[in-house]
Amino acid sequence: MLTCIARTKALQFYDFHDQIYIIADIMMGITNGQVSQVLGPIMLTLLLTTVLVQSGKVLVSPVGGSHWVSMNTLVEALHAKGHNVTVIRIEGSLSIEESSPHYTSINLKREGVFSEELLETFASRLLGIMREDSIWARLKLDIIMWKSYLWMVEEEKKIIINMFEDQQLMQSLKDAKYDMILTDPAMFLGVMLGHYLKLPIVYNVRWTDYSEAHFVIAPSPLSYVPASMLELSDRMSFLERVKNVAMYIIPEIQLAILITPTYNALCERFIGPGTSYFSLLQGADLWLHRADFIFEFPRPTMPNIIYIGGFQCKPPKPLPQDLEDFVESSGEHGVIVMSLGTFFGQLPDDLAEAIAEAFAELPQKIIWRYTGKRPSALGNNTLLMEWMPQNDLLGHPKTRAFVAHGGTNGVQEAIYHGVPIIGLGLIFDQPSNLLKMRVKGVAKNVDFATLNKESFLKTVKEVLHEPSYRDNMQRLSRLHKDVPVKPLDYAIFWIEFVMRHKGAAHLQTESRKMPWYSYHSLDVLLFLLSAVALIILSIYVVIKFFCCRIFMRKTKNKLQ
């Protein structure tokens, strides 16, 4: 009987139907006289294990802001499946709540001060520079972004050191015996922690500290794969390919000089000699990629990249009654939804006035998420909200267009609900995201640097009245939804797959262990070139030898 119970404990990570078959297999090995004695304990164990079906302990190391929106979707889904989820959050996080019914939290101390006021000041400064519209302004913007990035790396370095030097915390993490770690590699903390605890690692990823995720792990031919954050398509002219190669190499050099040494030192100190930032980053079992090829341009991929684009999207819920009344009052004209994300909740006063004035001339009703000063030109057709149910509004049948900054989450929601986009791409990946949408014929951009009432109104009217924008977006929506498994269910399956099998090493290629010159076969090319050169040289020497012999013989004969 003890043997049977021990065997049924192995059922913890099988689904109910698999458990039935395995129990039947166990029963086949039991004699008739033993059935009554064993059946009761086995069925009791079966009931217990089905309650625990696929139940595991998941450690989550997320990134805040918009990244948390997608990670929290996974956290809630894992909790709903019965998993025990623990989230590591930075003290004072503005987006990741300390208390939640879906997870328990571990707080890491932060030395620096981080507040909403600091974010607002930084965002305002960026917007001011972008409006200058010059090469010098672009250079200033790049410098500020790199300084900010270096500051964040230093802040993260302090957090990592504090965490790893807290022996009590690290011991408690070891003692918890987690089944895996789910992390967003846009911060390196979770990557290091996963390797330190020797846990299977799953990424919820689109960007890493290094670059766009594919460039870390997958072949990326620069002839048709645009470098990170460039407004280039997969159909590049010769000069665009020159730009693409140059803009790929420059950040690589910057990362190698400014960022990698900091992380390499942390890896050597806390993980062990011979480890490096790039090797640890590549070492995840699974990459849950927050995009798909409805969103991205087609490109090479790898077996352990699982595409879950739009997994956070869902059918709309009913709107609050007052908001529903406002939407319904739009009649046949419908509504326009505008949101520039949490980072850009407000705009310079003159831009806000220009947008408000343009909206006031439209017959549509406008719902605008805005936290700044109320524009004086605001029309009666425009409703300002500090927060709005964006997914539910985009899914409303009366929504005609979405004015957006081009963040991944918002673009994916627009695709899911089939709503065309008026783009105001500002920073990070936003311009390149909107470029992808423009190429697919579902978006039209407004130049932020030269934005005024006329240019904004013209763009909005074009997207509203040109049927191709909505038709193309509706086609993308149908393609996105025409899948055998919903992206969120697919993501949860693969997370549980990693837990069941304690990793996914069979999906990892050996390329991550190869030095760069071997990966690109430069050593083989050098060997082959050397061999060809040696053969040519040998032939040359032989021919020269025989020519010299013949010449010497002829000379000798003449002298005689």
Protein backbone atom coordinates (compact mmCIF):
# COMPACT_ATOMS: atom_id res chain seq x y z
CA MET A 1 0.00 0.00 0.00
CA LEU A 2 2.84 2.38 0.83
CA THR A 3 4.35 1.64 -2.56
CA CYS A 4 1.10 2.58 -4.28
CA ILE A 5 0.78 5.83 -2.32
CA ALA A 6 4.38 6.72 -3.11
CA ARG A 7 3.68 6.15 -6.79
CA THR A 8 0.55 8.29 -6.75
CA LYS A 9 2.50 11.21 -5.27
CA ALA A 10 4.20 11.48 -8.61
CA LEU A 11 0.83 12.51 -10.08
CA GLN A 12 1.00 16.03 -8.66
CA PHE A 13 1.80 17.68 -12.00
CA TYR A 14 -0.43 15.55 -14.28
CA ASP A 15 -3.91 16.63 -15.33
CA PHE A 16 -6.97 14.75 -14.17
CA HIS A 17 -7.30 12.49 -17.24
CA ASP A 18 -3.64 11.48 -17.09
CA GLN A 19 -4.13 10.62 -13.42
CA ILE A 20 -7.03 8.28 -14.24
CA TYR A 21 -4.91 6.36 -16.76
CA ILE A 22 -1.94 6.13 -14.40
CA ILE A 23 -4.16 4.90 -11.55
CA ALA A 24 -5.59 2.28 -13.93
CA ASP A 25 -2.06 1.22 -14.75
CA ILE A 26 -1.28 0.87 -11.02
CA MET A 27 -4.45 -1.16 -10.49
CA MET A 28 -3.43 -3.59 -13.25
CA GLY A 29 -0.54 -4.67 -11.05
CA ILE A 30 -2.72 -5.37 -8.00
CA THR A 31 -4.26 -8.79 -7.37
CA ASN A 32 -7.99 -9.13 -6.78
CA GLY A 33 -7.46 -9.79 -3.08
CA GLN A 34 -5.65 -6.51 -2.67
CA VAL A 35 -8.23 -4.32 -4.43
CA SER A 36 -10.45 -3.61 -1.45
CA GLN A 37 -7.45 -2.91 0.75
CA VAL A 38 -5.75 -0.56 -1.71
CA LEU A 39 -8.63 1.06 -3.59
CA GLY A 40 -9.73 3.30 -0.71
CA PRO A 41 -6.30 4.89 -0.05
CA ILE A 42 -5.62 5.26 -3.77
CA MET A 43 -8.91 7.02 -4.48
CA LEU A 44 -8.35 9.30 -1.48
CA THR A 45 -4.89 10.13 -2.78
CA LEU A 46 -6.32 10.70 -6.25
CA LEU A 47 -8.82 13.18 -4.88
CA LEU A 48 -6.07 14.97 -2.98
CA THR A 49 -3.79 15.12 -5.98
CA THR A 50 -6.54 16.40 -8.27
CA VAL A 51 -7.04 19.28 -5.85
CA LEU A 52 -3.31 19.90 -6.16
CA VAL A 53 -3.28 19.28 -9.91
CA GLN A 54 -0.45 21.24 -11.51
CA SER A 55 -0.02 23.18 -8.27
CA GLY A 56 3.45 24.64 -7.90
CA LYS A 57 5.41 27.36 -6.18
CA VAL A 58 6.28 30.18 -8.55
CA LEU A 59 8.72 32.98 -7.77
CA VAL A 60 8.09 36.11 -9.84
CA SER A 61 10.60 38.92 -10.38
CA PRO A 62 8.78 41.58 -12.41
CA VAL A 63 9.47 45.06 -13.80
CA GLY A 64 7.09 47.87 -12.87
CA GLY A 65 5.10 50.25 -15.03
CA SER A 66 3.49 48.93 -18.22
CA HIS A 67 5.57 45.74 -17.95
CA TRP A 68 3.68 44.85 -14.77
CA VAL A 69 0.35 44.98 -16.62
CA SER A 70 1.31 41.92 -18.66
CA MET A 71 3.13 40.16 -15.81
CA ASN A 72 0.16 40.63 -13.49
CA THR A 73 -2.05 38.95 -16.10
CA LEU A 74 0.16 35.85 -15.84
CA VAL A 75 0.25 36.08 -12.04
CA GLU A 76 -3.56 36.17 -11.82
CA ALA A 77 -3.89 33.27 -14.27
CA LEU A 78 -1.35 31.18 -12.33
CA HIS A 79 -3.17 31.93 -9.07
CA ALA A 80 -6.47 30.92 -10.68
CA LYS A 81 -4.90 27.55 -11.60
CA GLY A 82 -4.03 26.97 -7.94
CA HIS A 83 -0.36 27.92 -7.98
CA ASN A 84 1.32 29.61 -5.03
CA VAL A 85 2.84 32.84 -6.36
CA THR A 86 5.43 35.01 -4.62
CA VAL A 87 6.31 38.38 -6.17
CA ILE A 88 9.57 40.20 -5.50
CA ARG A 89 8.91 43.94 -5.58
CA ILE A 90 11.10 46.97 -5.07
CA GLU A 91 10.16 48.99 -1.99
CA GLY A 92 8.06 52.01 -2.97
CA SER A 93 7.01 50.56 -6.34
CA LEU A 94 4.34 52.77 -7.91
CA SER A 95 2.62 49.96 -9.82
CA ILE A 96 3.26 46.65 -8.03
CA GLU A 97 1.07 46.54 -4.93
CA GLU A 98 2.47 45.06 -1.75
CA SER A 99 -0.78 43.29 -0.86
CA SER A 100 -2.80 41.23 -3.32
CA PRO A 101 -5.20 38.28 -3.18
CA HIS A 102 -3.22 36.70 -6.03
CA TYR A 103 0.28 36.65 -4.55
CA THR A 104 2.41 37.21 -1.49
CA SER A 105 5.19 39.76 -1.81
CA ILE A 106 8.81 40.13 -0.79
CA ASN A 107 10.06 43.71 -0.52
CA LEU A 108 13.57 44.68 -1.58
CA LYS A 109 15.03 47.87 -0.19
CA ARG A 110 15.75 50.79 -2.50
CA GLU A 111 18.35 53.40 -1.58
CA GLY A 112 17.37 56.04 -4.12
CA VAL A 113 14.22 58.14 -4.10
CA PHE A 114 11.66 57.30 -6.78
CA SER A 115 8.37 59.17 -6.97
CA GLU A 116 5.60 60.17 -9.35
CA GLU A 117 6.93 63.74 -9.29
CA LEU A 118 10.31 62.54 -10.51
CA LEU A 119 8.66 60.65 -13.38
CA GLU A 120 6.53 63.64 -14.34
CA THR A 121 9.57 65.94 -14.37
CA PHE A 122 11.54 63.48 -16.51
CA ALA A 123 8.64 63.01 -18.95
CA SER A 124 8.12 66.76 -19.26
CA ARG A 125 11.82 67.27 -20.01
CA LEU A 126 11.75 64.59 -22.72
CA LEU A 127 8.68 66.10 -24.38
CA GLY A 128 10.34 69.53 -24.43
CA ILE A 129 13.43 68.18 -26.19
CA MET A 130 11.39 66.19 -28.74
CA ARG A 131 9.56 69.35 -29.80
CA GLU A 132 12.82 71.06 -30.79
CA ASP A 133 12.93 68.93 -33.98
CA SER A 134 16.65 69.14 -34.81
CA ILE A 135 19.70 66.88 -35.02
CA TRP A 136 21.05 68.49 -31.84
CA ALA A 137 17.75 67.80 -30.07
CA ARG A 138 17.92 64.18 -31.19
CA LEU A 139 21.47 63.94 -29.86
CA LYS A 140 20.42 65.53 -26.55
CA LEU A 141 17.55 63.05 -26.28
CA ASP A 142 19.91 60.10 -26.85
CA ILE A 143 22.34 61.43 -24.25
CA ILE A 144 19.56 61.87 -21.67
CA MET A 145 18.21 58.39 -22.38
CA TRP A 146 21.66 56.83 -21.97
CA LYS A 147 22.30 58.77 -18.76
CA SER A 148 18.95 57.61 -17.43
CA TYR A 149 19.75 54.04 -18.44
CA LEU A 150 23.13 54.16 -16.69
CA TRP A 151 21.46 55.60 -13.58
CA MET A 152 18.92 52.74 -13.59
CA VAL A 153 21.72 50.18 -13.98
CA GLU A 154 23.52 51.67 -10.97
CA GLU A 155 20.29 51.66 -8.94
CA GLU A 156 19.65 48.05 -9.90
CA LYS A 157 23.25 47.16 -8.99
CA LYS A 158 22.65 48.50 -5.45
CA ILE A 159 19.40 46.54 -5.16
CA ILE A 160 21.10 43.32 -6.34
CA ILE A 161 24.00 43.73 -3.92
CA ASN A 162 21.63 44.45 -1.01
CA MET A 163 19.55 41.41 -1.88
CA PHE A 164 22.42 38.94 -2.28
CA GLU A 165 24.18 40.19 0.84
CA ASP A 166 21.01 39.69 2.90
CA GLN A 167 21.83 36.15 4.00
CA GLN A 168 18.56 35.71 5.85
CA LEU A 169 16.54 36.62 2.75
CA MET A 170 18.60 34.40 0.45
CA GLN A 171 18.33 31.46 2.82
CA SER A 172 14.55 31.91 3.04
CA LEU A 173 14.36 31.87 -0.78
CA LYS A 174 16.37 28.65 -0.85
CA ASP A 175 14.26 27.06 1.87
CA ALA A 176 11.04 27.93 0.04
CA LYS A 177 11.98 25.40 -2.68
CA TYR A 178 10.29 27.14 -5.58
CA ASP A 179 9.54 25.12 -8.71
CA MET A 180 10.58 27.89 -11.10
CA ILE A 181 11.13 31.63 -11.49
CA LEU A 182 9.13 33.81 -13.88
CA THR A 183 10.94 37.05 -14.62
CA ASP A 184 11.06 40.01 -16.97
CA PRO A 185 14.69 40.32 -18.19
CA ALA A 186 14.30 44.05 -18.76
CA MET A 187 15.87 43.98 -15.28
CA PHE A 188 18.77 41.60 -14.58
CA LEU A 189 17.83 40.93 -10.95
CA GLY A 190 15.47 38.04 -11.70
CA VAL A 191 17.90 36.45 -14.16
CA MET A 192 20.69 36.39 -11.56
CA LEU A 193 18.36 35.16 -8.83
CA GLY A 194 17.11 32.28 -10.97
CA HIS A 195 20.65 31.08 -11.69
CA TYR A 196 21.70 31.53 -8.06
CA LEU A 197 18.76 29.43 -6.81
CA LYS A 198 19.30 26.94 -9.67
CA LEU A 199 15.66 27.20 -10.72
CA PRO A 200 14.13 26.69 -14.16
CA ILE A 201 13.79 30.18 -15.66
CA VAL A 202 10.91 31.45 -17.79
CA TYR A 203 10.99 34.95 -19.28
CA ASN A 204 7.96 37.15 -19.86
CA VAL A 205 9.83 39.20 -22.41
CA ARG A 206 9.95 41.57 -25.27
CA TRP A 207 12.95 43.63 -24.19
CA THR A 208 16.00 42.69 -22.17
CA ASP A 209 18.62 44.91 -20.56
CA TYR A 210 20.59 44.16 -23.71
CA SER A 211 18.15 44.76 -26.57
CA GLU A 212 15.02 43.35 -28.18
CA ALA A 213 14.77 39.71 -27.11
CA HIS A 214 15.35 38.08 -30.51
CA PHE A 215 18.77 39.71 -30.82
CA VAL A 216 19.90 37.92 -27.65
CA ILE A 217 18.99 34.40 -28.71
CA ALA A 218 17.82 34.12 -32.33
CA PRO A 219 19.58 34.62 -35.69
CA SER A 220 18.97 38.22 -36.74
CA PRO A 221 20.03 38.96 -40.35
CA LEU A 222 20.35 42.74 -40.56
CA SER A 223 19.48 42.65 -44.26
CA TYR A 224 15.79 42.35 -43.38
CA VAL A 225 15.55 42.43 -39.56
CA PRO A 226 15.42 46.04 -38.29
CA ALA A 227 17.67 46.79 -35.32
CA SER A 228 16.01 47.59 -32.00
CA MET A 229 13.83 50.72 -31.86
CA LEU A 230 14.54 51.79 -35.45
CA GLU A 231 11.70 53.02 -37.63
CA LEU A 232 12.59 50.61 -40.44
CA SER A 233 10.54 47.86 -42.07
CA ASP A 234 11.70 44.46 -43.28
CA ARG A 235 11.96 45.90 -46.82
CA MET A 236 14.98 48.18 -46.66
CA SER A 237 16.76 50.08 -49.39
CA PHE A 238 20.57 49.95 -49.57
CA LEU A 239 20.96 53.16 -47.53
CA GLU A 240 18.45 51.91 -44.97
CA ARG A 241 20.47 48.70 -44.63
CA VAL A 242 23.59 50.78 -44.07
CA LYS A 243 21.74 52.71 -41.35
CA ASN A 244 20.44 49.45 -39.88
CA VAL A 245 23.91 47.91 -39.59
CA ALA A 246 25.42 51.12 -38.17
CA MET A 247 22.63 51.57 -35.62
CA TYR A 248 23.02 47.95 -34.56
CA ILE A 249 26.78 48.19 -34.05
CA ILE A 250 26.82 51.50 -32.12
CA PRO A 251 24.55 50.32 -29.25
CA GLU A 252 26.47 47.01 -29.16
CA ILE A 253 29.68 48.95 -28.51
CA GLN A 254 27.97 51.19 -25.94
CA LEU A 255 26.61 48.16 -24.08
CA ALA A 256 29.98 46.39 -24.17
CA ILE A 257 31.77 49.43 -22.72
CA LEU A 258 29.19 50.96 -20.36
CA ILE A 259 26.85 48.21 -19.16
CA THR A 260 28.30 44.72 -19.53
CA PRO A 261 31.31 45.20 -17.18
CA THR A 262 28.97 46.18 -14.32
CA TYR A 263 26.80 43.10 -14.74
CA ASN A 264 29.77 40.79 -15.38
CA ALA A 265 31.29 41.87 -12.05
CA LEU A 266 28.01 41.07 -10.27
CA CYS A 267 27.87 37.64 -11.96
CA GLU A 268 31.45 36.82 -10.93
CA ARG A 269 30.81 37.99 -7.39
CA PHE A 270 27.51 36.26 -6.65
CA ILE A 271 27.07 33.43 -9.19
CA GLY A 272 30.64 32.24 -9.60
CA PRO A 273 33.84 32.52 -11.64
CA GLY A 274 33.48 32.16 -15.39
CA THR A 275 29.90 33.40 -15.50
CA SER A 276 28.93 36.45 -17.49
CA TYR A 277 25.96 38.70 -18.04
CA PHE A 278 25.32 37.52 -21.60
CA SER A 279 25.63 33.80 -20.83
CA LEU A 280 23.18 34.06 -17.93
CA LEU A 281 20.78 36.13 -20.02
CA GLN A 282 20.77 33.50 -22.77
CA GLY A 283 20.34 30.66 -20.29
CA ALA A 284 16.57 30.80 -19.73
CA ASP A 285 14.58 27.64 -20.37
CA LEU A 286 11.71 29.43 -22.07
CA TRP A 287 11.07 32.86 -23.59
CA LEU A 288 7.40 33.87 -23.51
CA HIS A 289 7.52 36.63 -26.10
CA ARG A 290 4.93 39.40 -25.75
CA ALA A 291 4.38 39.68 -29.49
CA ASP A 292 3.52 37.56 -32.51
CA PHE A 293 3.87 37.75 -36.26
CA ILE A 294 0.63 39.65 -36.60
CA PHE A 295 2.49 42.41 -34.74
CA GLU A 296 6.14 41.74 -35.69
CA PHE A 297 7.74 41.39 -39.12
CA PRO A 298 8.51 37.72 -39.97
CA ARG A 299 12.02 36.73 -38.87
CA PRO A 300 14.04 33.68 -37.70
CA THR A 301 13.15 32.29 -34.30
CA MET A 302 14.16 29.54 -31.86
CA PRO A 303 12.46 26.44 -30.36
CA ASN A 304 12.24 27.91 -26.85
CA ILE A 305 10.62 31.20 -27.94
CA ILE A 306 6.86 30.94 -27.38
CA TYR A 307 4.79 33.74 -28.92
CA ILE A 308 1.97 35.02 -26.70
CA GLY A 309 1.20 38.37 -28.31
CA GLY A 310 -2.01 39.92 -27.00
CA PHE A 311 -2.32 37.44 -24.13
CA GLN A 312 -3.45 40.25 -21.81
CA CYS A 313 -6.33 41.16 -24.14
CA LYS A 314 -9.82 39.97 -23.32
CA PRO A 315 -13.43 40.53 -24.41
CA PRO A 316 -14.83 43.83 -23.13
CA LYS A 317 -16.80 44.07 -19.92
CA PRO A 318 -19.87 46.32 -19.65
CA LEU A 319 -18.94 49.96 -19.02
CA PRO A 320 -20.02 51.82 -15.89
CA GLN A 321 -23.47 53.25 -16.53
CA ASP A 322 -22.39 56.91 -16.73
CA LEU A 323 -19.63 56.05 -19.20
CA GLU A 324 -21.97 53.83 -21.22
CA ASP A 325 -24.48 56.70 -21.42
CA PHE A 326 -21.75 59.03 -22.72
CA VAL A 327 -20.66 56.49 -25.35
CA GLU A 328 -24.22 55.79 -26.47
CA SER A 329 -24.91 59.52 -26.82
CA SER A 330 -22.41 59.59 -29.71
CA GLY A 331 -25.01 58.13 -32.05
CA GLU A 332 -23.82 56.97 -35.46
CA HIS A 333 -20.58 58.96 -35.22
CA GLY A 334 -19.13 56.82 -32.43
CA VAL A 335 -16.29 57.63 -30.07
CA ILE A 336 -12.54 58.19 -30.18
CA VAL A 337 -10.41 56.92 -27.31
CA MET A 338 -7.14 58.68 -26.46
CA SER A 339 -4.43 57.56 -24.04
CA LEU A 340 -0.68 58.16 -24.06
CA GLY A 341 0.02 55.65 -21.29
CA THR A 342 0.88 56.17 -17.65
CA PHE A 343 4.27 57.74 -18.38
CA PHE A 344 2.83 60.62 -20.45
CA GLY A 345 -0.35 61.42 -18.58
CA GLN A 346 -0.04 65.10 -19.43
CA LEU A 347 1.28 67.29 -22.26
CA PRO A 348 2.65 70.82 -22.63
CA ASP A 349 -0.25 73.25 -22.33
CA ASP A 350 -0.14 74.49 -25.94
CA LEU A 351 -0.20 70.92 -27.31
CA ALA A 352 -3.08 69.96 -25.05
CA GLU A 353 -4.96 73.07 -26.23
CA ALA A 354 -4.31 72.20 -29.90
CA ILE A 355 -5.56 68.64 -29.45
CA ALA A 356 -8.61 69.76 -27.44
CA GLU A 357 -9.48 72.36 -30.10
CA ALA A 358 -9.20 69.76 -32.87
CA PHE A 359 -11.39 67.31 -30.95
CA ALA A 360 -14.02 70.03 -30.42
CA GLU A 361 -14.56 70.24 -34.20
CA LEU A 362 -15.34 66.55 -34.58
CA PRO A 363 -18.87 65.06 -34.45
CA GLN A 364 -17.54 62.06 -32.49
CA LYS A 365 -17.49 61.87 -28.71
CA ILE A 366 -13.99 61.78 -27.22
CA ILE A 367 -12.78 59.92 -24.13
CA TRP A 368 -9.31 61.17 -23.22
CA ARG A 369 -7.19 59.85 -20.39
CA TYR A 370 -5.45 63.00 -19.17
CA THR A 371 -4.02 64.02 -15.80
CA GLY A 372 -2.80 67.53 -16.67
CA LYS A 373 -4.44 70.94 -16.51
CA ARG A 374 -7.87 71.01 -18.16
CA PRO A 375 -7.53 72.67 -21.61
CA SER A 376 -9.63 75.79 -22.02
CA ALA A 377 -10.52 74.79 -25.61
CA LEU A 378 -12.08 71.51 -24.49
CA GLY A 379 -15.37 70.88 -26.29
CA ASN A 380 -18.60 69.51 -24.86
CA ASN A 381 -17.97 66.31 -26.81
CA THR A 382 -14.79 65.48 -24.84
CA LEU A 383 -14.64 63.66 -21.55
CA LEU A 384 -11.39 63.82 -19.56
CA MET A 385 -10.61 60.89 -17.25
CA GLU A 386 -7.65 60.25 -14.96
CA TRP A 387 -8.18 56.53 -15.48
CA MET A 388 -10.35 54.65 -17.93
CA PRO A 389 -11.18 51.01 -18.73
CA GLN A 390 -9.15 51.07 -21.94
CA ASN A 391 -9.72 47.45 -22.99
CA ASP A 392 -13.48 47.73 -22.45
CA LEU A 393 -13.66 51.00 -24.38
CA LEU A 394 -11.64 49.66 -27.30
CA GLY A 395 -13.94 46.64 -27.40
CA HIS A 396 -17.11 48.78 -27.51
CA PRO A 397 -18.87 48.63 -30.90
CA LYS A 398 -19.07 52.43 -31.07
CA THR A 399 -15.28 52.99 -30.82
CA ARG A 400 -13.98 54.31 -34.15
CA ALA A 401 -10.30 55.11 -33.49
CA PHE A 402 -7.58 55.00 -30.85
CA VAL A 403 -5.16 57.91 -30.34
CA ALA A 404 -2.16 56.19 -28.75
CA HIS A 405 1.55 56.56 -27.96
CA GLY A 406 2.37 53.15 -29.42
CA GLY A 407 3.14 51.10 -26.32
CA THR A 408 3.05 47.33 -26.88
CA ASN A 409 0.05 46.71 -24.62
CA GLY A 410 -2.10 49.39 -26.23
CA VAL A 411 -1.20 48.36 -29.78
CA GLN A 412 -2.00 44.72 -28.98
CA GLU A 413 -5.38 45.73 -27.53
CA ALA A 414 -6.13 47.79 -30.65
CA ILE A 415 -5.31 44.77 -32.84
CA TYR A 416 -7.44 42.46 -30.69
CA HIS A 417 -10.48 44.74 -30.92
CA GLY A 418 -9.86 45.83 -34.54
CA VAL A 419 -9.55 49.58 -33.84
CA PRO A 420 -7.31 51.70 -36.14
CA ILE A 421 -4.64 53.90 -34.55
CA ILE A 422 -3.66 57.57 -34.69
CA GLY A 423 -0.07 57.38 -33.46
CA LEU A 424 1.93 59.80 -31.32
CA GLY A 425 5.13 57.74 -30.98
CA LEU A 426 7.32 59.34 -28.32
CA ILE A 427 10.19 57.27 -26.87
CA PHE A 428 11.58 53.74 -26.38
CA ASP A 429 9.95 51.19 -28.71
CA GLN A 430 6.87 53.31 -29.39
CA PRO A 431 7.93 54.80 -32.78
CA SER A 432 9.03 51.38 -34.10
CA ASN A 433 5.80 49.76 -32.90
CA LEU A 434 3.79 52.38 -34.77
CA LEU A 435 5.98 51.95 -37.85
CA LYS A 436 4.96 48.27 -37.93
CA MET A 437 1.33 49.33 -37.77
CA ARG A 438 1.78 51.93 -40.54
CA VAL A 439 3.39 49.35 -42.82
CA LYS A 440 0.38 47.08 -42.25
CA GLY A 441 -1.96 49.95 -43.16
CA VAL A 442 -3.74 50.23 -39.80
CA ALA A 443 -2.22 53.43 -38.37
CA LYS A 444 -1.32 56.99 -39.27
CA ASN A 445 1.24 59.02 -37.33
CA VAL A 446 1.21 62.63 -36.19
CA ASP A 447 4.65 64.23 -35.97
CA PHE A 448 4.93 65.24 -32.34
CA ALA A 449 7.56 67.91 -33.05
CA THR A 450 5.30 69.82 -35.48
CA LEU A 451 1.91 68.90 -34.02
CA ASN A 452 -0.76 71.60 -34.20
CA LYS A 453 -4.53 71.70 -34.47
CA GLU A 454 -4.55 71.41 -38.26
CA SER A 455 -2.11 68.50 -38.60
CA PHE A 456 -3.76 66.57 -35.80
CA LEU A 457 -7.29 67.12 -37.12
CA LYS A 458 -6.24 66.13 -40.65
CA THR A 459 -4.73 62.85 -39.45
CA VAL A 460 -7.72 61.97 -37.27
CA LYS A 461 -10.15 62.62 -40.12
CA GLU A 462 -8.10 60.50 -42.53
CA VAL A 463 -8.14 57.49 -40.18
CA LEU A 464 -11.86 57.97 -39.48
CA HIS A 465 -13.01 58.39 -43.08
CA GLU A 466 -10.60 56.17 -45.06
CA PRO A 467 -12.13 52.66 -44.81
CA SER A 468 -8.84 50.85 -45.45
CA TYR A 469 -7.52 51.61 -41.95
CA ARG A 470 -10.43 49.89 -40.21
CA ASP A 471 -10.66 47.11 -42.81
CA ASN A 472 -6.95 46.29 -42.45
CA MET A 473 -7.15 46.35 -38.65
CA GLN A 474 -10.21 44.11 -38.67
CA ARG A 475 -8.24 41.67 -40.85
CA LEU A 476 -5.35 41.70 -38.36
CA SER A 477 -7.84 41.12 -35.55
CA ARG A 478 -9.26 38.06 -37.32
CA LEU A 479 -5.76 36.69 -37.92
CA HIS A 480 -4.80 37.29 -34.30
CA LYS A 481 -7.85 35.45 -32.96
CA ASP A 482 -7.69 32.56 -35.44
CA VAL A 483 -5.52 30.30 -33.26
CA PRO A 484 -6.14 26.84 -31.77
CA VAL A 485 -5.27 27.98 -28.23
CA LYS A 486 -5.72 31.40 -26.64
CA PRO A 487 -2.35 33.11 -26.01
CA LEU A 488 -2.87 33.26 -22.24
CA ASP A 489 -3.75 29.55 -22.05
CA TYR A 490 -0.73 28.82 -24.24
CA ALA A 491 1.53 30.81 -21.88
CA ILE A 492 0.20 29.02 -18.79
CA PHE A 493 0.61 25.62 -20.47
CA TRP A 494 4.29 26.29 -21.15
CA ILE A 495 4.92 27.67 -17.66
CA GLU A 496 3.41 24.50 -16.22
CA PHE A 497 5.36 22.42 -18.74
CA VAL A 498 8.59 23.86 -17.34
CA MET A 499 7.42 23.08 -13.79
CA ARG A 500 6.41 19.52 -14.68
CA HIS A 501 9.71 18.75 -16.41
CA LYS A 502 11.95 20.92 -14.21
CA GLY A 503 13.11 22.98 -17.16
CA ALA A 504 13.15 22.77 -20.95
CA ALA A 505 16.79 22.04 -21.72
CA HIS A 506 15.81 20.04 -24.82
CA LEU A 507 14.65 23.29 -26.47
CA GLN A 508 17.92 25.15 -25.87
CA THR A 509 20.45 25.16 -28.68
CA GLU A 510 24.20 24.89 -28.20
CA SER A 511 24.63 28.27 -29.89
CA ARG A 512 24.45 30.03 -26.51
CA LYS A 513 27.60 28.21 -25.36
CA MET A 514 29.61 29.02 -28.47
CA PRO A 515 32.03 31.95 -28.71
CA TRP A 516 30.98 34.56 -31.26
CA TYR A 517 33.64 33.56 -33.80
CA SER A 518 32.47 29.92 -33.71
CA TYR A 519 28.79 30.93 -33.87
CA HIS A 520 29.46 32.86 -37.09
CA SER A 521 31.86 30.11 -38.33
CA LEU A 522 34.65 32.64 -38.64
CA ASP A 523 37.16 30.06 -37.36
CA VAL A 524 35.98 27.60 -40.03
CA LEU A 525 36.12 30.30 -42.68
CA LEU A 526 39.64 31.23 -41.57
CA PHE A 527 40.67 27.55 -41.69
CA LEU A 528 39.21 27.07 -45.17
CA LEU A 529 40.80 30.27 -46.46
CA SER A 530 44.11 29.19 -44.94
CA ALA A 531 43.79 25.76 -46.54
CA VAL A 532 42.98 27.28 -49.95
CA ALA A 533 45.83 29.76 -49.54
CA LEU A 534 48.19 26.90 -48.59
CA ILE A 535 47.13 24.86 -51.65
CA ILE A 536 47.58 27.88 -53.94
CA LEU A 537 50.94 28.63 -52.34
CA SER A 538 52.01 24.99 -52.72
CA ILE A 539 51.01 24.96 -56.38
CA TYR A 540 52.85 28.23 -56.86
CA VAL A 541 56.01 26.87 -55.20
CA VAL A 542 55.87 23.65 -57.26
CA ILE A 543 55.33 25.53 -60.50
CA LYS A 544 58.08 27.98 -59.62
CA PHE A 545 60.41 25.09 -58.76
CA PHE A 546 59.86 23.33 -62.09
CA CYS A 547 60.03 26.60 -64.03
CA CYS A 548 63.36 27.40 -62.35
CA ARG A 549 64.67 23.91 -63.17
CA ILE A 550 63.63 24.23 -66.80
CA PHE A 551 65.09 27.74 -67.03
CA MET A 552 68.39 26.61 -65.45
CA ARG A 553 68.60 23.63 -67.81
CA LYS A 554 68.01 25.83 -70.85
CA THR A 555 70.62 28.33 -69.62
CA LYS A 556 73.12 25.54 -69.05
CA ASN A 557 72.53 24.15 -72.56
CA LYS A 558 73.07 27.58 -74.11
CA LEU A 559 76.35 28.03 -72.23
CA GLN A 560 77.56 24.69 -73.56
